Amino acid sequence: QVQLVESGGGLVQPGGSLRLSCAASGSIFSNYGMGWYRQAPGKQREWVASISSGGSTNYAGSVKGRFTISRDNAKNTWYLQMDGLTSEDTAVYYCKYGSASWGQGIQVTVSS
C-alpha cells in the first residue's frame, strides 16, 4: 500500500510560482511512473503532467512550457514546479503513483 502526501499549495498572485511536492511512503518502486492531476470547481479532474521511471516527461498543452515535473527517487518525492500561474490554474492538485494511488489533494489558488 502506498501513501501520498502533497504539500506546497496556497495562494499566489497571477504570474507567480509555486512548487508542489508529493511525498510517498509504503511499497514504493522506482520503476513506476507518477503524475499530477487537477480539478477545478465544477470541472472534471484532468491530467496535468507525468514522469516515467526513466525520467521522460509529458505535459498537458495548457501547462506546457510553464510547469515542470521532476522526481527524486532517493527521497520518494515528486515535484511540480509551476511558473507563470494564471487564474485558470486554480484547482485542487493531486499526485498519482502508478495506476491507482492518489494523494489527498492540495489547493492552489491564483488570484490578485
PDB file of N, CA and C in Angstrom:
ATOM      1  N   GLN A   1       0.841  -1.188   0.000  1.00  0.00           N
ATOM      2  CA  GLN A   1       0.000   0.000   0.000  1.00  0.00           C
ATOM      3  C   GLN A   1       0.874   1.235   0.000  1.00  0.00           C
ATOM      4  N   VAL A   2       0.434   2.249  -0.705  1.00  0.00           N
ATOM      5  CA  VAL A   2       1.200   3.480  -0.868  1.00  0.00           C
ATOM      6  C   VAL A   2       0.421   4.648  -0.300  1.00  0.00           C
ATOM      7  N   GLN A   3       1.117   5.492   0.435  1.00  0.00           N
ATOM      8  CA  GLN A   3       0.515   6.723   0.940  1.00  0.00           C
ATOM      9  C   GLN A   3       1.218   7.904   0.284  1.00  0.00           C
ATOM     10  N   LEU A   4       0.437   8.855  -0.184  1.00  0.00           N
ATOM     11  CA  LEU A   4       0.957  10.037  -0.845  1.00  0.00           C
ATOM     12  C   LEU A   4       0.465  11.282  -0.124  1.00  0.00           C
ATOM     13  N   VAL A   5       1.372  12.201   0.130  1.00  0.00           N
ATOM     14  CA  VAL A   5       1.012  13.445   0.801  1.00  0.00           C
ATOM     15  C   VAL A   5       1.547  14.616  -0.002  1.00  0.00           C
ATOM     16  N   GLU A   6       0.624  15.472  -0.473  1.00  0.00           N
ATOM     17  CA  GLU A   6       1.024  16.663  -1.215  1.00  0.00           C
ATOM     18  C   GLU A   6       1.278  17.823  -0.262  1.00  0.00           C
ATOM     19  N   SER A   7       2.155  18.726  -0.686  1.00  0.00           N
ATOM     20  CA  SER A   7       2.407  19.949   0.061  1.00  0.00           C
ATOM     21  C   SER A   7       2.851  21.029  -0.923  1.00  0.00           C
ATOM     22  N   GLY A   8       2.845  22.280  -0.428  1.00  0.00           N
ATOM     23  CA  GLY A   8       3.342  23.382  -1.232  1.00  0.00           C
ATOM     24  C   GLY A   8       2.287  24.233  -1.901  1.00  0.00           C
ATOM     25  N   GLY A   9       1.032  23.898  -1.705  1.00  0.00           N
ATOM     26  CA  GLY A   9      -0.016  24.701  -2.318  1.00  0.00           C
ATOM     27  C   GLY A   9      -0.247  25.999  -1.566  1.00  0.00           C
ATOM     28  N   GLY A  10      -1.215  26.769  -2.042  1.00  0.00           N
ATOM     29  CA  GLY A  10      -1.552  28.019  -1.374  1.00  0.00           C
ATOM     30  C   GLY A  10      -2.078  29.041  -2.334  1.00  0.00           C
ATOM     31  N   LEU A  11      -2.018  30.296  -1.892  1.00  0.00           N
ATOM     32  CA  LEU A  11      -2.497  31.427  -2.671  1.00  0.00           C
ATOM     33  C   LEU A  11      -1.312  32.161  -3.301  1.00  0.00           C
ATOM     34  N   VAL A  12      -1.421  32.434  -4.585  1.00  0.00           N
ATOM     35  CA  VAL A  12      -0.352  33.132  -5.288  1.00  0.00           C
ATOM     36  C   VAL A  12      -0.971  34.108  -6.269  1.00  0.00           C
ATOM     37  N   GLN A  13      -0.275  35.183  -6.542  1.00  0.00           N
ATOM     38  CA  GLN A  13      -0.769  36.180  -7.494  1.00  0.00           C
ATOM     39  C   GLN A  13      -0.523  35.700  -8.927  1.00  0.00           C
ATOM     40  N   PRO A  14      -1.314  36.188  -9.849  1.00  0.00           N
ATOM     41  CA  PRO A  14      -1.082  35.844 -11.263  1.00  0.00           C
ATOM     42  C   PRO A  14       0.347  36.174 -11.668  1.00  0.00           C
ATOM     43  N   GLY A  15       0.947  35.255 -12.414  1.00  0.00           N
ATOM     44  CA  GLY A  15       2.333  35.405 -12.818  1.00  0.00           C
ATOM     45  C   GLY A  15       3.328  34.822 -11.841  1.00  0.00           C
ATOM     46  N   GLY A  16       2.837  34.420 -10.683  1.00  0.00           N
ATOM     47  CA  GLY A  16       3.712  33.885  -9.654  1.00  0.00           C
ATOM     48  C   GLY A  16       4.036  32.411  -9.850  1.00  0.00           C
ATOM     49  N   SER A  17       4.739  31.864  -8.866  1.00  0.00           N
ATOM     50  CA  SER A  17       5.197  30.480  -8.930  1.00  0.00           C
ATOM     51  C   SER A  17       4.898  29.740  -7.634  1.00  0.00           C
ATOM     52  N   LEU A  18       4.727  28.455  -7.764  1.00  0.00           N
ATOM     53  CA  LEU A  18       4.614  27.553  -6.626  1.00  0.00           C
ATOM     54  C   LEU A  18       5.297  26.248  -6.982  1.00  0.00           C
ATOM     55  N   ARG A  19       5.781  25.544  -5.975  1.00  0.00           N
ATOM     56  CA  ARG A  19       6.304  24.206  -6.193  1.00  0.00           C
ATOM     57  C   ARG A  19       5.549  23.228  -5.297  1.00  0.00           C
ATOM     58  N   LEU A  20       4.868  22.300  -5.925  1.00  0.00           N
ATOM     59  CA  LEU A  20       4.174  21.254  -5.194  1.00  0.00           C
ATOM     60  C   LEU A  20       5.107  20.058  -4.990  1.00  0.00           C
ATOM     61  N   SER A  21       4.953  19.418  -3.851  1.00  0.00           N
ATOM     62  CA  SER A  21       5.700  18.204  -3.559  1.00  0.00           C
ATOM     63  C   SER A  21       4.727  17.082  -3.262  1.00  0.00           C
ATOM     64  N   CYS A  22       5.136  15.883  -3.592  1.00  0.00           N
ATOM     65  CA  CYS A  22       4.351  14.688  -3.289  1.00  0.00           C
ATOM     66  C   CYS A  22       5.293  13.679  -2.641  1.00  0.00           C
ATOM     67  N   ALA A  23       5.131  13.472  -1.354  1.00  0.00           N
ATOM     68  CA  ALA A  23       5.976  12.535  -0.618  1.00  0.00           C
ATOM     69  C   ALA A  23       5.269  11.192  -0.516  1.00  0.00           C
ATOM     70  N   ALA A  24       5.965  10.159  -0.903  1.00  0.00           N
ATOM     71  CA  ALA A  24       5.383   8.824  -0.917  1.00  0.00           C
ATOM     72  C   ALA A  24       5.992   7.947   0.157  1.00  0.00           C
ATOM     73  N   SER A  25       5.180   7.086   0.720  1.00  0.00           N
ATOM     74  CA  SER A  25       5.661   6.098   1.686  1.00  0.00           C
ATOM     75  C   SER A  25       4.923   4.787   1.436  1.00  0.00           C
ATOM     76  N   GLY A  26       5.511   3.715   1.948  1.00  0.00           N
ATOM     77  CA  GLY A  26       4.892   2.416   1.741  1.00  0.00           C
ATOM     78  C   GLY A  26       5.650   1.622   0.696  1.00  0.00           C
ATOM     79  N   SER A  27       4.927   0.872  -0.081  1.00  0.00           N
ATOM     80  CA  SER A  27       5.525  -0.018  -1.085  1.00  0.00           C
ATOM     81  C   SER A  27       5.822   0.769  -2.365  1.00  0.00           C
ATOM     82  N   ILE A  28       6.941   1.482  -2.336  1.00  0.00           N
ATOM     83  CA  ILE A  28       7.329   2.324  -3.454  1.00  0.00           C
ATOM     84  C   ILE A  28       8.342   1.596  -4.331  1.00  0.00           C
ATOM     85  N   PHE A  29       8.094   1.630  -5.620  1.00  0.00           N
ATOM     86  CA  PHE A  29       9.007   1.040  -6.580  1.00  0.00           C
ATOM     87  C   PHE A  29       9.441   2.126  -7.560  1.00  0.00           C
ATOM     88  N   SER A  30      10.735   2.274  -7.705  1.00  0.00           N
ATOM     89  CA  SER A  30      11.247   3.356  -8.554  1.00  0.00           C
ATOM     90  C   SER A  30      10.911   3.149 -10.022  1.00  0.00           C
ATOM     91  N   ASN A  31      10.464   1.967 -10.405  1.00  0.00           N
ATOM     92  CA  ASN A  31      10.157   1.745 -11.815  1.00  0.00           C
ATOM     93  C   ASN A  31       8.703   2.076 -12.151  1.00  0.00           C
ATOM     94  N   TYR A  32       7.999   2.720 -11.252  1.00  0.00           N
ATOM     95  CA  TYR A  32       6.642   3.176 -11.532  1.00  0.00           C
ATOM     96  C   TYR A  32       6.667   4.647 -11.910  1.00  0.00           C
ATOM     97  N   GLY A  33       5.764   5.020 -12.793  1.00  0.00           N
ATOM     98  CA  GLY A  33       5.619   6.422 -13.141  1.00  0.00           C
ATOM     99  C   GLY A  33       4.682   7.129 -12.176  1.00  0.00           C
ATOM    100  N   MET A  34       4.702   8.437 -12.238  1.00  0.00           N
ATOM    101  CA  MET A  34       3.764   9.195 -11.429  1.00  0.00           C
ATOM    102  C   MET A  34       3.268  10.405 -12.202  1.00  0.00           C
ATOM    103  N   GLY A  35       2.187  10.954 -11.723  1.00  0.00           N
ATOM    104  CA  GLY A  35       1.625  12.092 -12.429  1.00  0.00           C
ATOM    105  C   GLY A  35       0.993  13.087 -11.493  1.00  0.00           C
ATOM    106  N   TRP A  36       0.692  14.230 -12.042  1.00  0.00           N
ATOM    107  CA  TRP A  36      -0.064  15.269 -11.348  1.00  0.00           C
ATOM    108  C   TRP A  36      -1.354  15.510 -12.113  1.00  0.00           C
ATOM    109  N   TYR A  37      -2.427  15.677 -11.376  1.00  0.00           N
ATOM    110  CA  TYR A  37      -3.738  15.971 -11.922  1.00  0.00           C
ATOM    111  C   TYR A  37      -4.312  17.158 -11.168  1.00  0.00           C
ATOM    112  N   ARG A  38      -5.356  17.733 -11.717  1.00  0.00           N
ATOM    113  CA  ARG A  38      -6.018  18.825 -11.008  1.00  0.00           C
ATOM    114  C   ARG A  38      -7.502  18.821 -11.305  1.00  0.00           C
ATOM    115  N   GLN A  39      -8.235  19.398 -10.379  1.00  0.00           N
ATOM    116  CA  GLN A  39      -9.679  19.505 -10.540  1.00  0.00           C
ATOM    117  C   GLN A  39     -10.129  20.886 -10.105  1.00  0.00           C
ATOM    118  N   ALA A  40     -10.615  21.629 -11.066  1.00  0.00           N
ATOM    119  CA  ALA A  40     -11.130  22.970 -10.794  1.00  0.00           C
ATOM    120  C   ALA A  40     -12.597  22.871 -10.389  1.00  0.00           C
ATOM    121  N   PRO A  41     -13.117  23.874  -9.686  1.00  0.00           N
ATOM    122  CA  PRO A  41     -14.527  23.843  -9.268  1.00  0.00           C
ATOM    123  C   PRO A  41     -15.462  23.649 -10.450  1.00  0.00           C
ATOM    124  N   GLY A  42     -16.346  22.684 -10.338  1.00  0.00           N
ATOM    125  CA  GLY A  42     -17.326  22.449 -11.376  1.00  0.00           C
ATOM    126  C   GLY A  42     -16.810  21.730 -12.598  1.00  0.00           C
ATOM    127  N   LYS A  43     -15.551  21.289 -12.542  1.00  0.00           N
ATOM    128  CA  LYS A  43     -14.960  20.609 -13.697  1.00  0.00           C
ATOM    129  C   LYS A  43     -14.484  19.215 -13.313  1.00  0.00           C
ATOM    130  N   GLN A  44     -14.261  18.409 -14.324  1.00  0.00           N
ATOM    131  CA  GLN A  44     -13.729  17.073 -14.079  1.00  0.00           C
ATOM    132  C   GLN A  44     -12.233  17.135 -13.807  1.00  0.00           C
ATOM    133  N   ARG A  45     -11.746  16.130 -13.107  1.00  0.00           N
ATOM    134  CA  ARG A  45     -10.316  16.042 -12.862  1.00  0.00           C
ATOM    135  C   ARG A  45      -9.601  15.846 -14.189  1.00  0.00           C
ATOM    136  N   GLU A  46      -8.486  16.569 -14.363  1.00  0.00           N
ATOM    137  CA  GLU A  46      -7.744  16.474 -15.604  1.00  0.00           C
ATOM    138  C   GLU A  46      -6.270  16.197 -15.340  1.00  0.00           C
ATOM    139  N   TRP A  47      -5.670  15.526 -16.282  1.00  0.00           N
ATOM    140  CA  TRP A  47      -4.251  15.233 -16.210  1.00  0.00           C
ATOM    141  C   TRP A  47      -3.452  16.497 -16.484  1.00  0.00           C
ATOM    142  N   VAL A  48      -2.350  16.682 -15.742  1.00  0.00           N
ATOM    143  CA  VAL A  48      -1.519  17.862 -15.902  1.00  0.00           C
ATOM    144  C   VAL A  48      -0.149  17.487 -16.460  1.00  0.00           C
ATOM    145  N   ALA A  49       0.490  16.512 -15.812  1.00  0.00           N
ATOM    146  CA  ALA A  49       1.846  16.143 -16.214  1.00  0.00           C
ATOM    147  C   ALA A  49       2.147  14.759 -15.681  1.00  0.00           C
ATOM    148  N   SER A  50       3.122  14.103 -16.314  1.00  0.00           N
ATOM    149  CA  SER A  50       3.549  12.795 -15.843  1.00  0.00           C
ATOM    150  C   SER A  50       5.029  12.611 -16.109  1.00  0.00           C
ATOM    151  N   ILE A  51       5.619  11.713 -15.320  1.00  0.00           N
ATOM    152  CA  ILE A  51       7.030  11.397 -15.472  1.00  0.00           C
ATOM    153  C   ILE A  51       7.197   9.895 -15.325  1.00  0.00           C
ATOM    154  N   SER A  52       7.932   9.313 -16.232  1.00  0.00           N
ATOM    155  CA  SER A  52       8.124   7.872 -16.222  1.00  0.00           C
ATOM    156  C   SER A  52       9.260   7.491 -15.278  1.00  0.00           C
ATOM    157  N   SER A  53       9.423   6.204 -15.098  1.00  0.00           N
ATOM    158  CA  SER A  53      10.508   5.727 -14.247  1.00  0.00           C
ATOM    159  C   SER A  53      11.864   6.131 -14.807  1.00  0.00           C
ATOM    160  N   GLY A  54      11.937   6.274 -16.114  1.00  0.00           N
ATOM    161  CA  GLY A  54      13.192   6.665 -16.739  1.00  0.00           C
ATOM    162  C   GLY A  54      13.408   8.154 -16.815  1.00  0.00           C
ATOM    163  N   GLY A  55      12.411   8.905 -16.353  1.00  0.00           N
ATOM    164  CA  GLY A  55      12.552  10.356 -16.328  1.00  0.00           C
ATOM    165  C   GLY A  55      11.925  11.077 -17.512  1.00  0.00           C
ATOM    166  N   SER A  56      11.282  10.351 -18.398  1.00  0.00           N
ATOM    167  CA  SER A  56      10.602  11.015 -19.513  1.00  0.00           C
ATOM    168  C   SER A  56       9.375  11.756 -19.003  1.00  0.00           C
ATOM    169  N   THR A  57       9.175  12.950 -19.523  1.00  0.00           N
ATOM    170  CA  THR A  57       8.073  13.792 -19.045  1.00  0.00           C
ATOM    171  C   THR A  57       7.094  14.115 -20.163  1.00  0.00           C
ATOM    172  N   ASN A  58       5.855  14.334 -19.755  1.00  0.00           N
ATOM    173  CA  ASN A  58       4.813  14.756 -20.676  1.00  0.00           C
ATOM    174  C   ASN A  58       3.922  15.762 -19.970  1.00  0.00           C
ATOM    175  N   TYR A  59       3.390  16.693 -20.744  1.00  0.00           N
ATOM    176  CA  TYR A  59       2.584  17.767 -20.169  1.00  0.00           C
ATOM    177  C   TYR A  59       1.322  18.004 -20.976  1.00  0.00           C
ATOM    178  N   ALA A  60       0.290  18.408 -20.270  1.00  0.00           N
ATOM    179  CA  ALA A  60      -0.910  18.866 -20.947  1.00  0.00           C
ATOM    180  C   ALA A  60      -0.584  20.163 -21.678  1.00  0.00           C
ATOM    181  N   GLY A  61      -1.264  20.378 -22.779  1.00  0.00           N
ATOM    182  CA  GLY A  61      -0.985  21.555 -23.572  1.00  0.00           C
ATOM    183  C   GLY A  61      -1.144  22.860 -22.815  1.00  0.00           C
ATOM    184  N   SER A  62      -2.074  22.877 -21.865  1.00  0.00           N
ATOM    185  CA  SER A  62      -2.364  24.111 -21.133  1.00  0.00           C
ATOM    186  C   SER A  62      -1.251  24.525 -20.172  1.00  0.00           C
ATOM    187  N   VAL A  63      -0.353  23.597 -19.838  1.00  0.00           N
ATOM    188  CA  VAL A  63       0.706  23.908 -18.878  1.00  0.00           C
ATOM    189  C   VAL A  63       2.092  23.775 -19.471  1.00  0.00           C
ATOM    190  N   LYS A  64       2.190  23.250 -20.672  1.00  0.00           N
ATOM    191  CA  LYS A  64       3.498  23.013 -21.282  1.00  0.00           C
ATOM    192  C   LYS A  64       4.256  24.327 -21.414  1.00  0.00           C
ATOM    193  N   GLY A  65       5.502  24.302 -20.991  1.00  0.00           N
ATOM    194  CA  GLY A  65       6.324  25.499 -21.027  1.00  0.00           C
ATOM    195  C   GLY A  65       6.257  26.315 -19.753  1.00  0.00           C
ATOM    196  N   ARG A  66       5.288  26.020 -18.905  1.00  0.00           N
ATOM    197  CA  ARG A  66       5.144  26.752 -17.640  1.00  0.00           C
ATOM    198  C   ARG A  66       5.374  25.846 -16.426  1.00  0.00           C
ATOM    199  N   PHE A  67       5.001  24.588 -16.531  1.00  0.00           N
ATOM    200  CA  PHE A  67       5.129  23.643 -15.426  1.00  0.00           C
ATOM    201  C   PHE A  67       6.259  22.658 -15.716  1.00  0.00           C
ATOM    202  N   THR A  68       6.916  22.213 -14.648  1.00  0.00           N
ATOM    203  CA  THR A  68       7.983  21.217 -14.770  1.00  0.00           C
ATOM    204  C   THR A  68       7.794  20.140 -13.718  1.00  0.00           C
ATOM    205  N   ILE A  69       7.720  18.902 -14.171  1.00  0.00           N
ATOM    206  CA  ILE A  69       7.594  17.772 -13.253  1.00  0.00           C
ATOM    207  C   ILE A  69       8.963  17.136 -13.088  1.00  0.00           C
ATOM    208  N   SER A  70       9.267  16.714 -11.862  1.00  0.00           N
ATOM    209  CA  SER A  70      10.543  16.060 -11.596  1.00  0.00           C
ATOM    210  C   SER A  70      10.357  15.066 -10.451  1.00  0.00           C
ATOM    211  N   ARG A  71      11.366  14.233 -10.249  1.00  0.00           N
ATOM    212  CA  ARG A  71      11.277  13.250  -9.187  1.00  0.00           C
ATOM    213  C   ARG A  71      12.648  13.031  -8.560  1.00  0.00           C
ATOM    214  N   ASP A  72      12.627  12.725  -7.277  1.00  0.00           N
ATOM    215  CA  ASP A  72      13.832  12.357  -6.531  1.00  0.00           C
ATOM    216  C   ASP A  72      13.578  10.968  -5.970  1.00  0.00           C
ATOM    217  N   ASN A  73      14.067   9.959  -6.667  1.00  0.00           N
ATOM    218  CA  ASN A  73      13.778   8.587  -6.252  1.00  0.00           C
ATOM    219  C   ASN A  73      14.361   8.269  -4.877  1.00  0.00           C
ATOM    220  N   ALA A  74      15.492   8.885  -4.557  1.00  0.00           N
ATOM    221  CA  ALA A  74      16.115   8.618  -3.258  1.00  0.00           C
ATOM    222  C   ALA A  74      15.238   9.085  -2.107  1.00  0.00           C
ATOM    223  N   LYS A  75      14.455  10.120  -2.351  1.00  0.00           N
ATOM    224  CA  LYS A  75      13.580  10.676  -1.312  1.00  0.00           C
ATOM    225  C   LYS A  75      12.136  10.216  -1.470  1.00  0.00           C
ATOM    226  N   ASN A  76      11.861   9.424  -2.513  1.00  0.00           N
ATOM    227  CA  ASN A  76      10.470   9.033  -2.803  1.00  0.00           C
ATOM    228  C   ASN A  76       9.561  10.254  -2.872  1.00  0.00           C
ATOM    229  N   THR A  77      10.040  11.264  -3.528  1.00  0.00           N
ATOM    230  CA  THR A  77       9.298  12.523  -3.611  1.00  0.00           C
ATOM    231  C   THR A  77       9.283  13.008  -5.051  1.00  0.00           C
ATOM    232  N   TRP A  78       8.135  13.549  -5.461  1.00  0.00           N
ATOM    233  CA  TRP A  78       7.996  14.101  -6.782  1.00  0.00           C
ATOM    234  C   TRP A  78       7.548  15.550  -6.665  1.00  0.00           C
ATOM    235  N   TYR A  79       7.806  16.326  -7.671  1.00  0.00           N
ATOM    236  CA  TYR A  79       7.575  17.753  -7.616  1.00  0.00           C
ATOM    237  C   TYR A  79       6.844  18.247  -8.860  1.00  0.00           C
ATOM    238  N   LEU A  80       6.157  19.349  -8.685  1.00  0.00           N
ATOM    239  CA  LEU A  80       5.588  20.063  -9.815  1.00  0.00           C
ATOM    240  C   LEU A  80       5.910  21.530  -9.624  1.00  0.00           C
ATOM    241  N   GLN A  81       6.865  22.023 -10.397  1.00  0.00           N
ATOM    242  CA  GLN A  81       7.213  23.437 -10.390  1.00  0.00           C
ATOM    243  C   GLN A  81       6.263  24.153 -11.326  1.00  0.00           C
ATOM    244  N   MET A  82       5.546  25.136 -10.802  1.00  0.00           N
ATOM    245  CA  MET A  82       4.549  25.850 -11.579  1.00  0.00           C
ATOM    246  C   MET A  82       4.932  27.320 -11.661  1.00  0.00           C
ATOM    247  N   ASP A  83       5.198  27.774 -12.868  1.00  0.00           N
ATOM    248  CA  ASP A  83       5.565  29.157 -13.108  1.00  0.00           C
ATOM    249  C   ASP A  83       4.529  29.819 -14.014  1.00  0.00           C
ATOM    250  N   GLY A  84       4.519  31.134 -14.015  1.00  0.00           N
ATOM    251  CA  GLY A  84       3.577  31.840 -14.869  1.00  0.00           C
ATOM    252  C   GLY A  84       2.137  31.477 -14.598  1.00  0.00           C
ATOM    253  N   LEU A  85       1.786  31.368 -13.328  1.00  0.00           N
ATOM    254  CA  LEU A  85       0.442  30.916 -12.974  1.00  0.00           C
ATOM    255  C   LEU A  85      -0.614  31.938 -13.363  1.00  0.00           C
ATOM    256  N   THR A  86      -1.756  31.415 -13.780  1.00  0.00           N
ATOM    257  CA  THR A  86      -2.916  32.245 -14.107  1.00  0.00           C
ATOM    258  C   THR A  86      -4.123  31.741 -13.318  1.00  0.00           C
ATOM    259  N   SER A  87      -5.188  32.506 -13.371  1.00  0.00           N
ATOM    260  CA  SER A  87      -6.401  32.117 -12.649  1.00  0.00           C
ATOM    261  C   SER A  87      -6.934  30.774 -13.149  1.00  0.00           C
ATOM    262  N   GLU A  88      -6.629  30.448 -14.396  1.00  0.00           N
ATOM    263  CA  GLU A  88      -7.074  29.170 -14.961  1.00  0.00           C
ATOM    264  C   GLU A  88      -6.389  27.978 -14.302  1.00  0.00           C
ATOM    265  N   ASP A  89      -5.321  28.222 -13.564  1.00  0.00           N
ATOM    266  CA  ASP A  89      -4.613  27.140 -12.876  1.00  0.00           C
ATOM    267  C   ASP A  89      -5.178  26.877 -11.483  1.00  0.00           C
ATOM    268  N   THR A  90      -6.123  27.682 -11.061  1.00  0.00           N
ATOM    269  CA  THR A  90      -6.734  27.470  -9.753  1.00  0.00           C
ATOM    270  C   THR A  90      -7.475  26.134  -9.730  1.00  0.00           C
ATOM    271  N   ALA A  91      -7.103  25.287  -8.779  1.00  0.00           N
ATOM    272  CA  ALA A  91      -7.683  23.950  -8.704  1.00  0.00           C
ATOM    273  C   ALA A  91      -7.129  23.233  -7.482  1.00  0.00           C
ATOM    274  N   VAL A  92      -7.704  22.085  -7.201  1.00  0.00           N
ATOM    275  CA  VAL A  92      -7.097  21.156  -6.247  1.00  0.00           C
ATOM    276  C   VAL A  92      -6.194  20.239  -7.063  1.00  0.00           C
ATOM    277  N   TYR A  93      -4.948  20.145  -6.640  1.00  0.00           N
ATOM    278  CA  TYR A  93      -3.954  19.349  -7.351  1.00  0.00           C
ATOM    279  C   TYR A  93      -3.727  18.027  -6.612  1.00  0.00           C
ATOM    280  N   TYR A  94      -3.658  16.970  -7.386  1.00  0.00           N
ATOM    281  CA  TYR A  94      -3.469  15.637  -6.841  1.00  0.00           C
ATOM    282  C   TYR A  94      -2.249  14.969  -7.476  1.00  0.00           C
ATOM    283  N   CYS A  95      -1.479  14.260  -6.666  1.00  0.00           N
ATOM    284  CA  CYS A  95      -0.445  13.431  -7.262  1.00  0.00           C
ATOM    285  C   CYS A  95      -0.962  11.994  -7.324  1.00  0.00           C
ATOM    286  N   LYS A  96      -0.436  11.272  -8.286  1.00  0.00           N
ATOM    287  CA  LYS A  96      -0.848   9.897  -8.516  1.00  0.00           C
ATOM    288  C   LYS A  96       0.383   9.048  -8.741  1.00  0.00           C
ATOM    289  N   TYR A  97       0.431   7.901  -8.095  1.00  0.00           N
ATOM    290  CA  TYR A  97       1.548   6.978  -8.223  1.00  0.00           C
ATOM    291  C   TYR A  97       1.060   5.692  -8.870  1.00  0.00           C
ATOM    292  N   GLY A  98       1.765   5.249  -9.876  1.00  0.00           N
ATOM    293  CA  GLY A  98       1.337   4.046 -10.560  1.00  0.00           C
ATOM    294  C   GLY A  98      -0.022   4.244 -11.194  1.00  0.00           C
ATOM    295  N   SER A  99      -0.876   3.242 -11.074  1.00  0.00           N
ATOM    296  CA  SER A  99      -2.170   3.305 -11.732  1.00  0.00           C
ATOM    297  C   SER A  99      -3.326   3.617 -10.797  1.00  0.00           C
ATOM    298  N   ALA A 100      -3.091   3.556  -9.465  1.00  0.00           N
ATOM    299  CA  ALA A 100      -4.260   3.645  -8.600  1.00  0.00           C
ATOM    300  C   ALA A 100      -4.063   4.369  -7.288  1.00  0.00           C
ATOM    301  N   SER A 101      -2.885   4.866  -6.986  1.00  0.00           N
ATOM    302  CA  SER A 101      -2.645   5.516  -5.698  1.00  0.00           C
ATOM    303  C   SER A 101      -2.700   7.025  -5.859  1.00  0.00           C
ATOM    304  N   TRP A 102      -3.578   7.664  -5.067  1.00  0.00           N
ATOM    305  CA  TRP A 102      -3.790   9.098  -5.152  1.00  0.00           C
ATOM    306  C   TRP A 102      -3.469   9.772  -3.826  1.00  0.00           C
ATOM    307  N   GLY A 103      -2.961  10.991  -3.914  1.00  0.00           N
ATOM    308  CA  GLY A 103      -2.841  11.814  -2.737  1.00  0.00           C
ATOM    309  C   GLY A 103      -4.189  12.411  -2.376  1.00  0.00           C
ATOM    310  N   GLN A 104      -4.211  13.141  -1.265  1.00  0.00           N
ATOM    311  CA  GLN A 104      -5.472  13.703  -0.780  1.00  0.00           C
ATOM    312  C   GLN A 104      -5.842  14.995  -1.480  1.00  0.00           C
ATOM    313  N   GLY A 105      -4.905  15.563  -2.179  1.00  0.00           N
ATOM    314  CA  GLY A 105      -5.151  16.809  -2.904  1.00  0.00           C
ATOM    315  C   GLY A 105      -4.719  18.022  -2.118  1.00  0.00           C
ATOM    316  N   ILE A 106      -4.315  19.066  -2.839  1.00  0.00           N
ATOM    317  CA  ILE A 106      -3.906  20.314  -2.207  1.00  0.00           C
ATOM    318  C   ILE A 106      -4.401  21.483  -3.054  1.00  0.00           C
ATOM    319  N   GLN A 107      -4.881  22.509  -2.379  1.00  0.00           N
ATOM    320  CA  GLN A 107      -5.468  23.650  -3.070  1.00  0.00           C
ATOM    321  C   GLN A 107      -4.397  24.600  -3.588  1.00  0.00           C
ATOM    322  N   VAL A 108      -4.560  25.007  -4.828  1.00  0.00           N
ATOM    323  CA  VAL A 108      -3.759  26.073  -5.429  1.00  0.00           C
ATOM    324  C   VAL A 108      -4.741  27.135  -5.913  1.00  0.00           C
ATOM    325  N   THR A 109      -4.569  28.343  -5.417  1.00  0.00           N
ATOM    326  CA  THR A 109      -5.444  29.448  -5.803  1.00  0.00           C
ATOM    327  C   THR A 109      -4.596  30.565  -6.374  1.00  0.00           C
ATOM    328  N   VAL A 110      -4.924  30.978  -7.584  1.00  0.00           N
ATOM    329  CA  VAL A 110      -4.210  32.064  -8.250  1.00  0.00           C
ATOM    330  C   VAL A 110      -5.161  33.253  -8.335  1.00  0.00           C
ATOM    331  N   SER A 111      -4.835  34.283  -7.593  1.00  0.00           N
ATOM    332  CA  SER A 111      -5.735  35.435  -7.509  1.00  0.00           C
ATOM    333  C   SER A 111      -4.971  36.652  -7.041  1.00  0.00           C
ATOM    334  N   SER A 112      -5.408  37.808  -7.519  1.00  0.00           N
ATOM    335  CA  SER A 112      -4.801  39.054  -7.057  1.00  0.00           C
ATOM    336  C   SER A 112      -5.582  39.609  -5.889  1.00  0.00           C
TER     337      SER A 112
END
